[in-house]
């Protein structure tokens, strides 16, 4: 039972760290256009003239 004194705070800390990382990625627009990249890689529009 003494191990629970360590495991519960560590798990809460790691869960909070994951939540903060997720909120940071949402605020920095990491998930803004998930379908655009998958379609853009198949297009040959920018092969000869790369995007500036």
C-alpha atoms as a PDB file:
ATOM      1  CA  UNK A   1       0.000   0.000   0.000  1.00  0.00           C
ATOM      2  CA  UNK A   2       2.934   2.347   0.477  1.00  0.00           C
ATOM      3  CA  UNK A   3       3.593   2.275  -3.256  1.00  0.00           C
ATOM      4  CA  UNK A   4       0.226   3.928  -3.924  1.00  0.00           C
ATOM      5  CA  UNK A   5       1.529   7.027  -2.150  1.00  0.00           C
ATOM      6  CA  UNK A   6       4.039   7.330  -5.016  1.00  0.00           C
ATOM      7  CA  UNK A   7       2.060   5.954  -7.946  1.00  0.00           C
ATOM      8  CA  UNK A   8      -1.073   8.104  -7.619  1.00  0.00           C
ATOM      9  CA  UNK A   9       0.740  11.501  -7.647  1.00  0.00           C
ATOM     10  CA  UNK A  10       3.063  10.353 -10.437  1.00  0.00           C
ATOM     11  CA  UNK A  11       0.121   9.220 -12.578  1.00  0.00           C
ATOM     12  CA  UNK A  12      -1.753  12.470 -11.923  1.00  0.00           C
ATOM     13  CA  UNK A  13       1.347  14.464 -12.869  1.00  0.00           C
ATOM     14  CA  UNK A  14       1.860  12.520 -16.105  1.00  0.00           C
ATOM     15  CA  UNK A  15      -1.817  12.825 -17.004  1.00  0.00           C
ATOM     16  CA  UNK A  16      -1.686  16.579 -16.405  1.00  0.00           C
ATOM     17  CA  UNK A  17       1.481  16.807 -18.487  1.00  0.00           C
ATOM     18  CA  UNK A  18      -0.265  15.017 -21.353  1.00  0.00           C
ATOM     19  CA  UNK A  19      -3.262  17.328 -21.052  1.00  0.00           C
ATOM     20  CA  UNK A  20      -1.034  20.414 -21.161  1.00  0.00           C
ATOM     21  CA  UNK A  21       0.790  19.048 -24.219  1.00  0.00           C
ATOM     22  CA  UNK A  22      -2.523  18.387 -25.973  1.00  0.00           C
ATOM     23  CA  UNK A  23      -3.836  21.890 -25.201  1.00  0.00           C
ATOM     24  CA  UNK A  24      -0.569  23.376 -26.479  1.00  0.00           C
ATOM     25  CA  UNK A  25      -0.847  21.508 -29.790  1.00  0.00           C
ATOM     26  CA  UNK A  26      -4.468  22.603 -30.247  1.00  0.00           C
ATOM     27  CA  UNK A  27      -3.604  26.256 -29.574  1.00  0.00           C
ATOM     28  CA  UNK A  28      -0.644  26.184 -31.981  1.00  0.00           C
ATOM     29  CA  UNK A  29      -2.922  24.948 -34.818  1.00  0.00           C
ATOM     30  CA  UNK A  30      -1.318  21.528 -35.218  1.00  0.00           C
ATOM     31  CA  UNK A  31      -4.682  20.017 -36.240  1.00  0.00           C
ATOM     32  CA  UNK A  32      -5.871  22.825 -38.517  1.00  0.00           C
ATOM     33  CA  UNK A  33      -5.816  21.000 -41.880  1.00  0.00           C
ATOM     34  CA  UNK A  34      -5.284  17.238 -41.500  1.00  0.00           C
ATOM     35  CA  UNK A  35      -6.801  16.360 -44.892  1.00  0.00           C
ATOM     36  CA  UNK A  36      -4.928  19.022 -46.855  1.00  0.00           C
ATOM     37  CA  UNK A  37      -1.509  17.483 -46.393  1.00  0.00           C
ATOM     38  CA  UNK A  38      -2.652  14.026 -47.388  1.00  0.00           C
ATOM     39  CA  UNK A  39      -4.148  15.403 -50.612  1.00  0.00           C
ATOM     40  CA  UNK A  40      -1.244  17.773 -51.302  1.00  0.00           C
ATOM     41  CA  UNK A  41       1.349  14.977 -51.319  1.00  0.00           C
ATOM     42  CA  UNK A  42      -0.531  13.249 -54.161  1.00  0.00           C
ATOM     43  CA  UNK A  43      -0.723  16.394 -56.306  1.00  0.00           C
ATOM     44  CA  UNK A  44       2.026  17.183 -58.793  1.00  0.00           C
ATOM     45  CA  UNK A  45       1.170  20.897 -58.836  1.00  0.00           C
ATOM     46  CA  UNK A  46       4.289  21.937 -56.869  1.00  0.00           C
ATOM     47  CA  UNK A  47       6.810  19.457 -58.290  1.00  0.00           C
ATOM     48  CA  UNK A  48       8.565  21.829 -60.712  1.00  0.00           C
ATOM     49  CA  UNK A  49       7.951  25.064 -58.820  1.00  0.00           C
ATOM     50  CA  UNK A  50       8.060  24.517 -55.051  1.00  0.00           C
ATOM     51  CA  UNK A  51       5.905  26.655 -52.846  1.00  0.00           C
ATOM     52  CA  UNK A  52       7.754  29.805 -51.696  1.00  0.00           C
END
